[in-house]
Amino acid sequence: MNEELDFLYDDDEAVKFIRKQLPDGLKTKFSDDDINYIIDLIYEFYDSKGFLEGDDEKDIDINEDELTAFVIKNALSDEVGRFEAEEISLIVQGEIEYCVSIGMFD
């Protein structure tokens, strides 16, 4: 994450934004804590891939299937829950859309 834009990223706003993007059936399945946990895993994945090192010249290509598998695996091992790839994918997409909406990728 660009340090200049860190202040723009608001965890509570990100959760609200993602929740609005979810289909009605998933809005009740995922608590705010679940969504925050998944966001944390998304950034853990980004960090493990070196995406957060601050090299603005480097193109970042996120493999969404790999990211989704990472989240599912960690949620199971941390005993947070058993999630379907489609569900996690919707949260990942919502998080990316939130980042776009606040100009993080500009």
PDB file of N, CA and C in Angstrom:
ATOM      1  N   MET A   1       0.850  -1.167   0.000  1.00  0.00           N
ATOM      2  CA  MET A   1       0.000   0.000   0.000  1.00  0.00           C
ATOM      3  C   MET A   1       0.895   1.228   0.000  1.00  0.00           C
ATOM      4  N   ASN A   2       0.588   2.191  -0.791  1.00  0.00           N
ATOM      5  CA  ASN A   2       1.329   3.429  -0.851  1.00  0.00           C
ATOM      6  C   ASN A   2       1.145   4.165   0.473  1.00  0.00           C
ATOM      7  N   GLU A   3       2.270   4.543   1.108  1.00  0.00           N
ATOM      8  CA  GLU A   3       2.194   5.174   2.423  1.00  0.00           C
ATOM      9  C   GLU A   3       1.386   6.468   2.400  1.00  0.00           C
ATOM     10  N   GLU A   4       1.441   7.212   1.300  1.00  0.00           N
ATOM     11  CA  GLU A   4       0.679   8.450   1.203  1.00  0.00           C
ATOM     12  C   GLU A   4      -0.818   8.183   1.226  1.00  0.00           C
ATOM     13  N   LEU A   5      -1.225   6.990   0.781  1.00  0.00           N
ATOM     14  CA  LEU A   5      -2.651   6.686   0.703  1.00  0.00           C
ATOM     15  C   LEU A   5      -3.146   5.843   1.868  1.00  0.00           C
ATOM     16  N   ASP A   6      -2.228   5.420   2.761  1.00  0.00           N
ATOM     17  CA  ASP A   6      -2.641   4.609   3.908  1.00  0.00           C
ATOM     18  C   ASP A   6      -3.769   5.277   4.682  1.00  0.00           C
ATOM     19  N   PHE A   7      -3.689   6.586   4.824  1.00  0.00           N
ATOM     20  CA  PHE A   7      -4.692   7.292   5.617  1.00  0.00           C
ATOM     21  C   PHE A   7      -6.067   7.264   4.950  1.00  0.00           C
ATOM     22  N   LEU A   8      -6.107   7.034   3.653  1.00  0.00           N
ATOM     23  CA  LEU A   8      -7.383   6.979   2.944  1.00  0.00           C
ATOM     24  C   LEU A   8      -8.125   5.673   3.197  1.00  0.00           C
ATOM     25  N   TYR A   9      -7.376   4.622   3.468  1.00  0.00           N
ATOM     26  CA  TYR A   9      -7.982   3.310   3.653  1.00  0.00           C
ATOM     27  C   TYR A   9      -8.568   3.230   5.048  1.00  0.00           C
ATOM     28  N   ASP A  10      -9.863   3.091   5.097  1.00  0.00           N
ATOM     29  CA  ASP A  10     -10.577   3.004   6.371  1.00  0.00           C
ATOM     30  C   ASP A  10     -11.203   1.617   6.455  1.00  0.00           C
ATOM     31  N   ASP A  11     -10.780   0.845   7.436  1.00  0.00           N
ATOM     32  CA  ASP A  11     -11.260  -0.532   7.564  1.00  0.00           C
ATOM     33  C   ASP A  11     -12.782  -0.615   7.661  1.00  0.00           C
ATOM     34  N   ASP A  12     -13.373   0.258   8.458  1.00  0.00           N
ATOM     35  CA  ASP A  12     -14.829   0.234   8.620  1.00  0.00           C
ATOM     36  C   ASP A  12     -15.538   0.567   7.305  1.00  0.00           C
ATOM     37  N   GLU A  13     -15.010   1.561   6.597  1.00  0.00           N
ATOM     38  CA  GLU A  13     -15.601   1.926   5.307  1.00  0.00           C
ATOM     39  C   GLU A  13     -15.419   0.809   4.285  1.00  0.00           C
ATOM     40  N   ALA A  14     -14.274   0.138   4.338  1.00  0.00           N
ATOM     41  CA  ALA A  14     -14.036  -0.985   3.424  1.00  0.00           C
ATOM     42  C   ALA A  14     -15.060  -2.096   3.667  1.00  0.00           C
ATOM     43  N   VAL A  15     -15.321  -2.401   4.935  1.00  0.00           N
ATOM     44  CA  VAL A  15     -16.297  -3.442   5.264  1.00  0.00           C
ATOM     45  C   VAL A  15     -17.683  -3.039   4.773  1.00  0.00           C
ATOM     46  N   LYS A  16     -18.082  -1.787   5.007  1.00  0.00           N
ATOM     47  CA  LYS A  16     -19.390  -1.311   4.544  1.00  0.00           C
ATOM     48  C   LYS A  16     -19.498  -1.407   3.023  1.00  0.00           C
ATOM     49  N   PHE A  17     -18.429  -0.988   2.334  1.00  0.00           N
ATOM     50  CA  PHE A  17     -18.408  -1.022   0.874  1.00  0.00           C
ATOM     51  C   PHE A  17     -18.551  -2.453   0.368  1.00  0.00           C
ATOM     52  N   ILE A  18     -17.772  -3.350   0.944  1.00  0.00           N
ATOM     53  CA  ILE A  18     -17.816  -4.762   0.523  1.00  0.00           C
ATOM     54  C   ILE A  18     -19.186  -5.355   0.804  1.00  0.00           C
ATOM     55  N   ARG A  19     -19.727  -5.080   1.984  1.00  0.00           N
ATOM     56  CA  ARG A  19     -21.040  -5.625   2.352  1.00  0.00           C
ATOM     57  C   ARG A  19     -22.111  -5.194   1.349  1.00  0.00           C
ATOM     58  N   LYS A  20     -22.047  -3.950   0.871  1.00  0.00           N
ATOM     59  CA  LYS A  20     -23.025  -3.473  -0.113  1.00  0.00           C
ATOM     60  C   LYS A  20     -22.911  -4.238  -1.427  1.00  0.00           C
ATOM     61  N   GLN A  21     -21.708  -4.728  -1.744  1.00  0.00           N
ATOM     62  CA  GLN A  21     -21.476  -5.431  -3.001  1.00  0.00           C
ATOM     63  C   GLN A  21     -21.941  -6.893  -2.956  1.00  0.00           C
ATOM     64  N   LEU A  22     -22.114  -7.422  -1.762  1.00  0.00           N
ATOM     65  CA  LEU A  22     -22.455  -8.835  -1.622  1.00  0.00           C
ATOM     66  C   LEU A  22     -23.924  -9.101  -1.930  1.00  0.00           C
ATOM     67  N   PRO A  23     -24.209 -10.276  -2.503  1.00  0.00           N
ATOM     68  CA  PRO A  23     -25.612 -10.675  -2.677  1.00  0.00           C
ATOM     69  C   PRO A  23     -26.276 -10.818  -1.304  1.00  0.00           C
ATOM     70  N   ASP A  24     -27.581 -10.657  -1.266  1.00  0.00           N
ATOM     71  CA  ASP A  24     -28.317 -10.668   0.011  1.00  0.00           C
ATOM     72  C   ASP A  24     -27.999 -11.883   0.870  1.00  0.00           C
ATOM     73  N   GLY A  25     -27.907 -13.052   0.290  1.00  0.00           N
ATOM     74  CA  GLY A  25     -27.643 -14.270   1.062  1.00  0.00           C
ATOM     75  C   GLY A  25     -26.303 -14.266   1.770  1.00  0.00           C
ATOM     76  N   LEU A  26     -25.328 -13.591   1.200  1.00  0.00           N
ATOM     77  CA  LEU A  26     -24.000 -13.538   1.814  1.00  0.00           C
ATOM     78  C   LEU A  26     -23.862 -12.405   2.812  1.00  0.00           C
ATOM     79  N   LYS A  27     -24.734 -11.418   2.726  1.00  0.00           N
ATOM     80  CA  LYS A  27     -24.660 -10.295   3.662  1.00  0.00           C
ATOM     81  C   LYS A  27     -24.868 -10.774   5.094  1.00  0.00           C
ATOM     82  N   THR A  28     -25.676 -11.799   5.264  1.00  0.00           N
ATOM     83  CA  THR A  28     -25.920 -12.316   6.609  1.00  0.00           C
ATOM     84  C   THR A  28     -24.944 -13.430   6.983  1.00  0.00           C
ATOM     85  N   LYS A  29     -24.342 -14.062   5.984  1.00  0.00           N
ATOM     86  CA  LYS A  29     -23.401 -15.156   6.277  1.00  0.00           C
ATOM     87  C   LYS A  29     -22.101 -14.624   6.865  1.00  0.00           C
ATOM     88  N   PHE A  30     -21.645 -13.476   6.365  1.00  0.00           N
ATOM     89  CA  PHE A  30     -20.367 -12.918   6.791  1.00  0.00           C
ATOM     90  C   PHE A  30     -20.589 -11.795   7.787  1.00  0.00           C
ATOM     91  N   SER A  31     -19.976 -11.932   8.961  1.00  0.00           N
ATOM     92  CA  SER A  31     -20.010 -10.845   9.939  1.00  0.00           C
ATOM     93  C   SER A  31     -18.966  -9.799   9.541  1.00  0.00           C
ATOM     94  N   ASP A  32     -19.036  -8.636  10.173  1.00  0.00           N
ATOM     95  CA  ASP A  32     -18.010  -7.625   9.932  1.00  0.00           C
ATOM     96  C   ASP A  32     -16.631  -8.169  10.301  1.00  0.00           C
ATOM     97  N   ASP A  33     -16.571  -8.952  11.381  1.00  0.00           N
ATOM     98  CA  ASP A  33     -15.298  -9.556  11.788  1.00  0.00           C
ATOM     99  C   ASP A  33     -14.782 -10.519  10.719  1.00  0.00           C
ATOM    100  N   ASP A  34     -15.684 -11.302  10.114  1.00  0.00           N
ATOM    101  CA  ASP A  34     -15.275 -12.210   9.038  1.00  0.00           C
ATOM    102  C   ASP A  34     -14.679 -11.431   7.873  1.00  0.00           C
ATOM    103  N   ILE A  35     -15.349 -10.354   7.493  1.00  0.00           N
ATOM    104  CA  ILE A  35     -14.868  -9.557   6.355  1.00  0.00           C
ATOM    105  C   ILE A  35     -13.531  -8.908   6.695  1.00  0.00           C
ATOM    106  N   ASN A  36     -13.395  -8.380   7.904  1.00  0.00           N
ATOM    107  CA  ASN A  36     -12.103  -7.808   8.324  1.00  0.00           C
ATOM    108  C   ASN A  36     -11.003  -8.866   8.308  1.00  0.00           C
ATOM    109  N   TYR A  37     -11.324 -10.055   8.778  1.00  0.00           N
ATOM    110  CA  TYR A  37     -10.358 -11.158   8.772  1.00  0.00           C
ATOM    111  C   TYR A  37      -9.926 -11.470   7.338  1.00  0.00           C
ATOM    112  N   ILE A  38     -10.878 -11.528   6.430  1.00  0.00           N
ATOM    113  CA  ILE A  38     -10.569 -11.833   5.025  1.00  0.00           C
ATOM    114  C   ILE A  38      -9.724 -10.706   4.413  1.00  0.00           C
ATOM    115  N   ILE A  39     -10.041  -9.455   4.732  1.00  0.00           N
ATOM    116  CA  ILE A  39      -9.222  -8.333   4.258  1.00  0.00           C
ATOM    117  C   ILE A  39      -7.787  -8.483   4.769  1.00  0.00           C
ATOM    118  N   ASP A  40      -7.640  -8.838   6.039  1.00  0.00           N
ATOM    119  CA  ASP A  40      -6.298  -9.050   6.590  1.00  0.00           C
ATOM    120  C   ASP A  40      -5.555 -10.136   5.816  1.00  0.00           C
ATOM    121  N   LEU A  41      -6.252 -11.212   5.480  1.00  0.00           N
ATOM    122  CA  LEU A  41      -5.620 -12.285   4.706  1.00  0.00           C
ATOM    123  C   LEU A  41      -5.250 -11.820   3.299  1.00  0.00           C
ATOM    124  N   ILE A  42      -6.092 -10.988   2.706  1.00  0.00           N
ATOM    125  CA  ILE A  42      -5.783 -10.450   1.375  1.00  0.00           C
ATOM    126  C   ILE A  42      -4.453  -9.698   1.434  1.00  0.00           C
ATOM    127  N   TYR A  43      -4.277  -8.857   2.445  1.00  0.00           N
ATOM    128  CA  TYR A  43      -3.043  -8.080   2.553  1.00  0.00           C
ATOM    129  C   TYR A  43      -1.861  -8.945   2.985  1.00  0.00           C
ATOM    130  N   GLU A  44      -2.119  -9.993   3.731  1.00  0.00           N
ATOM    131  CA  GLU A  44      -1.062 -10.959   4.055  1.00  0.00           C
ATOM    132  C   GLU A  44      -0.564 -11.624   2.769  1.00  0.00           C
ATOM    133  N   PHE A  45      -1.494 -11.972   1.879  1.00  0.00           N
ATOM    134  CA  PHE A  45      -1.150 -12.558   0.583  1.00  0.00           C
ATOM    135  C   PHE A  45      -0.344 -11.558  -0.243  1.00  0.00           C
ATOM    136  N   TYR A  46      -0.824 -10.311  -0.327  1.00  0.00           N
ATOM    137  CA  TYR A  46      -0.109  -9.281  -1.080  1.00  0.00           C
ATOM    138  C   TYR A  46       1.322  -9.129  -0.557  1.00  0.00           C
ATOM    139  N   ASP A  47       1.458  -9.104   0.760  1.00  0.00           N
ATOM    140  CA  ASP A  47       2.770  -8.957   1.375  1.00  0.00           C
ATOM    141  C   ASP A  47       3.674 -10.139   1.032  1.00  0.00           C
ATOM    142  N   SER A  48       3.124 -11.353   1.072  1.00  0.00           N
ATOM    143  CA  SER A  48       3.917 -12.546   0.771  1.00  0.00           C
ATOM    144  C   SER A  48       4.404 -12.562  -0.675  1.00  0.00           C
ATOM    145  N   LYS A  49       3.706 -11.857  -1.540  1.00  0.00           N
ATOM    146  CA  LYS A  49       4.073 -11.783  -2.961  1.00  0.00           C
ATOM    147  C   LYS A  49       4.946 -10.557  -3.263  1.00  0.00           C
ATOM    148  N   GLY A  50       5.197  -9.728  -2.253  1.00  0.00           N
ATOM    149  CA  GLY A  50       6.021  -8.539  -2.446  1.00  0.00           C
ATOM    150  C   GLY A  50       5.285  -7.378  -3.072  1.00  0.00           C
ATOM    151  N   PHE A  51       3.950  -7.436  -3.085  1.00  0.00           N
ATOM    152  CA  PHE A  51       3.161  -6.377  -3.715  1.00  0.00           C
ATOM    153  C   PHE A  51       3.135  -5.093  -2.897  1.00  0.00           C
ATOM    154  N   LEU A  52       3.505  -5.161  -1.632  1.00  0.00           N
ATOM    155  CA  LEU A  52       3.402  -3.994  -0.757  1.00  0.00           C
ATOM    156  C   LEU A  52       4.743  -3.290  -0.563  1.00  0.00           C
ATOM    157  N   GLU A  53       5.722  -3.633  -1.383  1.00  0.00           N
ATOM    158  CA  GLU A  53       7.062  -3.086  -1.198  1.00  0.00           C
ATOM    159  C   GLU A  53       7.201  -1.653  -1.673  1.00  0.00           C
ATOM    160  N   GLY A  54       6.199  -1.102  -2.318  1.00  0.00           N
ATOM    161  CA  GLY A  54       6.200   0.302  -2.676  1.00  0.00           C
ATOM    162  C   GLY A  54       6.874   0.643  -3.987  1.00  0.00           C
ATOM    163  N   ASP A  55       7.105  -0.348  -4.838  1.00  0.00           N
ATOM    164  CA  ASP A  55       7.698  -0.088  -6.148  1.00  0.00           C
ATOM    165  C   ASP A  55       6.588   0.295  -7.114  1.00  0.00           C
ATOM    166  N   ASP A  56       6.378   1.611  -7.279  1.00  0.00           N
ATOM    167  CA  ASP A  56       5.280   2.102  -8.115  1.00  0.00           C
ATOM    168  C   ASP A  56       5.484   1.808  -9.592  1.00  0.00           C
ATOM    169  N   GLU A  57       6.703   1.509  -9.993  1.00  0.00           N
ATOM    170  CA  GLU A  57       7.004   1.223 -11.401  1.00  0.00           C
ATOM    171  C   GLU A  57       6.678  -0.227 -11.765  1.00  0.00           C
ATOM    172  N   LYS A  58       6.549  -1.060 -10.787  1.00  0.00           N
ATOM    173  CA  LYS A  58       6.335  -2.487 -11.007  1.00  0.00           C
ATOM    174  C   LYS A  58       4.848  -2.764 -11.249  1.00  0.00           C
ATOM    175  N   ASP A  59       4.566  -3.458 -12.362  1.00  0.00           N
ATOM    176  CA  ASP A  59       3.188  -3.882 -12.618  1.00  0.00           C
ATOM    177  C   ASP A  59       2.854  -5.052 -11.708  1.00  0.00           C
ATOM    178  N   ILE A  60       1.684  -4.997 -11.134  1.00  0.00           N
ATOM    179  CA  ILE A  60       1.254  -6.059 -10.225  1.00  0.00           C
ATOM    180  C   ILE A  60       0.149  -6.849 -10.907  1.00  0.00           C
ATOM    181  N   ASP A  61       0.364  -8.132 -10.996  1.00  0.00           N
ATOM    182  CA  ASP A  61      -0.621  -9.023 -11.585  1.00  0.00           C
ATOM    183  C   ASP A  61      -1.101  -9.981 -10.496  1.00  0.00           C
ATOM    184  N   ILE A  62      -2.298  -9.742 -10.009  1.00  0.00           N
ATOM    185  CA  ILE A  62      -2.840 -10.548  -8.911  1.00  0.00           C
ATOM    186  C   ILE A  62      -3.572 -11.749  -9.498  1.00  0.00           C
ATOM    187  N   ASN A  63      -3.130 -12.931  -9.111  1.00  0.00           N
ATOM    188  CA  ASN A  63      -3.800 -14.163  -9.506  1.00  0.00           C
ATOM    189  C   ASN A  63      -4.943 -14.378  -8.512  1.00  0.00           C
ATOM    190  N   GLU A  64      -6.146 -14.038  -8.930  1.00  0.00           N
ATOM    191  CA  GLU A  64      -7.291 -14.081  -8.020  1.00  0.00           C
ATOM    192  C   GLU A  64      -7.592 -15.505  -7.535  1.00  0.00           C
ATOM    193  N   ASP A  65      -7.370 -16.500  -8.387  1.00  0.00           N
ATOM    194  CA  ASP A  65      -7.590 -17.892  -7.957  1.00  0.00           C
ATOM    195  C   ASP A  65      -6.618 -18.282  -6.850  1.00  0.00           C
ATOM    196  N   GLU A  66      -5.362 -17.854  -6.988  1.00  0.00           N
ATOM    197  CA  GLU A  66      -4.348 -18.141  -5.966  1.00  0.00           C
ATOM    198  C   GLU A  66      -4.676 -17.410  -4.665  1.00  0.00           C
ATOM    199  N   LEU A  67      -5.098 -16.159  -4.787  1.00  0.00           N
ATOM    200  CA  LEU A  67      -5.484 -15.371  -3.616  1.00  0.00           C
ATOM    201  C   LEU A  67      -6.676 -16.006  -2.906  1.00  0.00           C
ATOM    202  N   THR A  68      -7.669 -16.408  -3.671  1.00  0.00           N
ATOM    203  CA  THR A  68      -8.864 -17.043  -3.102  1.00  0.00           C
ATOM    204  C   THR A  68      -8.496 -18.327  -2.379  1.00  0.00           C
ATOM    205  N   ALA A  69      -7.651 -19.144  -2.992  1.00  0.00           N
ATOM    206  CA  ALA A  69      -7.209 -20.402  -2.365  1.00  0.00           C
ATOM    207  C   ALA A  69      -6.447 -20.118  -1.071  1.00  0.00           C
ATOM    208  N   PHE A  70      -5.634 -19.067  -1.056  1.00  0.00           N
ATOM    209  CA  PHE A  70      -4.888 -18.674   0.130  1.00  0.00           C
ATOM    210  C   PHE A  70      -5.845 -18.316   1.273  1.00  0.00           C
ATOM    211  N   VAL A  71      -6.873 -17.536   0.958  1.00  0.00           N
ATOM    212  CA  VAL A  71      -7.843 -17.128   1.981  1.00  0.00           C
ATOM    213  C   VAL A  71      -8.599 -18.345   2.519  1.00  0.00           C
ATOM    214  N   ILE A  72      -9.062 -19.209   1.627  1.00  0.00           N
ATOM    215  CA  ILE A  72      -9.814 -20.394   2.047  1.00  0.00           C
ATOM    216  C   ILE A  72      -8.966 -21.286   2.943  1.00  0.00           C
ATOM    217  N   LYS A  73      -7.727 -21.530   2.522  1.00  0.00           N
ATOM    218  CA  LYS A  73      -6.820 -22.394   3.285  1.00  0.00           C
ATOM    219  C   LYS A  73      -6.579 -21.834   4.683  1.00  0.00           C
ATOM    220  N   ASN A  74      -6.300 -20.527   4.771  1.00  0.00           N
ATOM    221  CA  ASN A  74      -6.023 -19.923   6.065  1.00  0.00           C
ATOM    222  C   ASN A  74      -7.254 -19.853   6.955  1.00  0.00           C
ATOM    223  N   ALA A  75      -8.411 -19.590   6.378  1.00  0.00           N
ATOM    224  CA  ALA A  75      -9.648 -19.562   7.171  1.00  0.00           C
ATOM    225  C   ALA A  75      -9.932 -20.929   7.775  1.00  0.00           C
ATOM    226  N   LEU A  76      -9.653 -21.976   7.015  1.00  0.00           N
ATOM    227  CA  LEU A  76      -9.832 -23.339   7.543  1.00  0.00           C
ATOM    228  C   LEU A  76      -8.824 -23.631   8.645  1.00  0.00           C
ATOM    229  N   SER A  77      -7.558 -23.322   8.391  1.00  0.00           N
ATOM    230  CA  SER A  77      -6.529 -23.641   9.386  1.00  0.00           C
ATOM    231  C   SER A  77      -6.674 -22.805  10.650  1.00  0.00           C
ATOM    232  N   ASP A  78      -7.192 -21.580  10.510  1.00  0.00           N
ATOM    233  CA  ASP A  78      -7.431 -20.729  11.684  1.00  0.00           C
ATOM    234  C   ASP A  78      -8.787 -21.002  12.332  1.00  0.00           C
ATOM    235  N   GLU A  79      -9.531 -21.956  11.755  1.00  0.00           N
ATOM    236  CA  GLU A  79     -10.862 -22.351  12.236  1.00  0.00           C
ATOM    237  C   GLU A  79     -11.839 -21.167  12.280  1.00  0.00           C
ATOM    238  N   VAL A  80     -11.725 -20.279  11.285  1.00  0.00           N
ATOM    239  CA  VAL A  80     -12.635 -19.141  11.176  1.00  0.00           C
ATOM    240  C   VAL A  80     -13.905 -19.564  10.455  1.00  0.00           C
ATOM    241  N   GLY A  81     -13.758 -20.439   9.476  1.00  0.00           N
ATOM    242  CA  GLY A  81     -14.921 -20.914   8.747  1.00  0.00           C
ATOM    243  C   GLY A  81     -14.538 -21.629   7.477  1.00  0.00           C
ATOM    244  N   ARG A  82     -15.518 -22.289   6.913  1.00  0.00           N
ATOM    245  CA  ARG A  82     -15.356 -22.979   5.629  1.00  0.00           C
ATOM    246  C   ARG A  82     -16.102 -22.154   4.596  1.00  0.00           C
ATOM    247  N   PHE A  83     -15.350 -21.571   3.696  1.00  0.00           N
ATOM    248  CA  PHE A  83     -15.926 -20.685   2.699  1.00  0.00           C
ATOM    249  C   PHE A  83     -15.742 -21.255   1.301  1.00  0.00           C
ATOM    250  N   GLU A  84     -16.683 -20.935   0.445  1.00  0.00           N
ATOM    251  CA  GLU A  84     -16.625 -21.345  -0.958  1.00  0.00           C
ATOM    252  C   GLU A  84     -15.806 -20.327  -1.748  1.00  0.00           C
ATOM    253  N   ALA A  85     -15.157 -20.803  -2.797  1.00  0.00           N
ATOM    254  CA  ALA A  85     -14.326 -19.934  -3.630  1.00  0.00           C
ATOM    255  C   ALA A  85     -15.130 -18.762  -4.186  1.00  0.00           C
ATOM    256  N   GLU A  86     -16.375 -19.013  -4.589  1.00  0.00           N
ATOM    257  CA  GLU A  86     -17.208 -17.954  -5.159  1.00  0.00           C
ATOM    258  C   GLU A  86     -17.491 -16.859  -4.131  1.00  0.00           C
ATOM    259  N   GLU A  87     -17.689 -17.262  -2.865  1.00  0.00           N
ATOM    260  CA  GLU A  87     -17.963 -16.293  -1.806  1.00  0.00           C
ATOM    261  C   GLU A  87     -16.739 -15.408  -1.558  1.00  0.00           C
ATOM    262  N   ILE A  88     -15.580 -16.050  -1.443  1.00  0.00           N
ATOM    263  CA  ILE A  88     -14.348 -15.306  -1.184  1.00  0.00           C
ATOM    264  C   ILE A  88     -14.024 -14.403  -2.365  1.00  0.00           C
ATOM    265  N   SER A  89     -14.247 -14.897  -3.560  1.00  0.00           N
ATOM    266  CA  SER A  89     -13.991 -14.109  -4.762  1.00  0.00           C
ATOM    267  C   SER A  89     -14.801 -12.819  -4.752  1.00  0.00           C
ATOM    268  N   LEU A  90     -16.039 -12.883  -4.304  1.00  0.00           N
ATOM    269  CA  LEU A  90     -16.878 -11.678  -4.229  1.00  0.00           C
ATOM    270  C   LEU A  90     -16.322 -10.670  -3.228  1.00  0.00           C
ATOM    271  N   ILE A  91     -15.794 -11.162  -2.122  1.00  0.00           N
ATOM    272  CA  ILE A  91     -15.200 -10.263  -1.128  1.00  0.00           C
ATOM    273  C   ILE A  91     -13.908  -9.661  -1.669  1.00  0.00           C
ATOM    274  N   VAL A  92     -13.089 -10.480  -2.330  1.00  0.00           N
ATOM    275  CA  VAL A  92     -11.851  -9.981  -2.940  1.00  0.00           C
ATOM    276  C   VAL A  92     -12.176  -8.895  -3.963  1.00  0.00           C
ATOM    277  N   GLN A  93     -13.143  -9.156  -4.811  1.00  0.00           N
ATOM    278  CA  GLN A  93     -13.534  -8.170  -5.820  1.00  0.00           C
ATOM    279  C   GLN A  93     -14.047  -6.893  -5.167  1.00  0.00           C
ATOM    280  N   GLY A  94     -14.829  -7.042  -4.099  1.00  0.00           N
ATOM    281  CA  GLY A  94     -15.331  -5.868  -3.379  1.00  0.00           C
ATOM    282  C   GLY A  94     -14.204  -5.054  -2.763  1.00  0.00           C
ATOM    283  N   GLU A  95     -13.199  -5.728  -2.231  1.00  0.00           N
ATOM    284  CA  GLU A  95     -12.068  -5.034  -1.619  1.00  0.00           C
ATOM    285  C   GLU A  95     -11.275  -4.283  -2.689  1.00  0.00           C
ATOM    286  N   ILE A  96     -11.067  -4.920  -3.834  1.00  0.00           N
ATOM    287  CA  ILE A  96     -10.358  -4.261  -4.933  1.00  0.00           C
ATOM    288  C   ILE A  96     -11.152  -3.040  -5.414  1.00  0.00           C
ATOM    289  N   GLU A  97     -12.471  -3.188  -5.532  1.00  0.00           N
ATOM    290  CA  GLU A  97     -13.307  -2.069  -5.959  1.00  0.00           C
ATOM    291  C   GLU A  97     -13.264  -0.924  -4.940  1.00  0.00           C
ATOM    292  N   TYR A  98     -13.201  -1.273  -3.651  1.00  0.00           N
ATOM    293  CA  TYR A  98     -13.076  -0.231  -2.633  1.00  0.00           C
ATOM    294  C   TYR A  98     -11.771   0.541  -2.829  1.00  0.00           C
ATOM    295  N   CYS A  99     -10.680  -0.188  -3.051  1.00  0.00           N
ATOM    296  CA  CYS A  99      -9.383   0.452  -3.266  1.00  0.00           C
ATOM    297  C   CYS A  99      -9.409   1.373  -4.477  1.00  0.00           C
ATOM    298  N   VAL A 100     -10.054   0.930  -5.542  1.00  0.00           N
ATOM    299  CA  VAL A 100     -10.184   1.766  -6.736  1.00  0.00           C
ATOM    300  C   VAL A 100     -10.978   3.017  -6.400  1.00  0.00           C
ATOM    301  N   SER A 101     -12.044   2.851  -5.612  1.00  0.00           N
ATOM    302  CA  SER A 101     -12.932   3.980  -5.306  1.00  0.00           C
ATOM    303  C   SER A 101     -12.232   5.073  -4.494  1.00  0.00           C
ATOM    304  N   ILE A 102     -11.184   4.719  -3.740  1.00  0.00           N
ATOM    305  CA  ILE A 102     -10.471   5.729  -2.958  1.00  0.00           C
ATOM    306  C   ILE A 102      -9.164   6.145  -3.639  1.00  0.00           C
ATOM    307  N   GLY A 103      -8.930   5.651  -4.844  1.00  0.00           N
ATOM    308  CA  GLY A 103      -7.770   6.080  -5.628  1.00  0.00           C
ATOM    309  C   GLY A 103      -6.453   5.458  -5.248  1.00  0.00           C
ATOM    310  N   MET A 104      -6.489   4.298  -4.623  1.00  0.00           N
ATOM    311  CA  MET A 104      -5.236   3.667  -4.211  1.00  0.00           C
ATOM    312  C   MET A 104      -4.377   3.202  -5.382  1.00  0.00           C
ATOM    313  N   PHE A 105      -4.961   2.911  -6.501  1.00  0.00           N
ATOM    314  CA  PHE A 105      -4.211   2.363  -7.614  1.00  0.00           C
ATOM    315  C   PHE A 105      -3.856   3.396  -8.671  1.00  0.00           C
ATOM    316  N   ASP A 106      -4.084   4.664  -8.354  1.00  0.00           N
ATOM    317  CA  ASP A 106      -3.765   5.731  -9.304  1.00  0.00           C
ATOM    318  C   ASP A 106      -2.275   6.002  -9.323  1.00  0.00           C
TER     319      ASP A 106
END
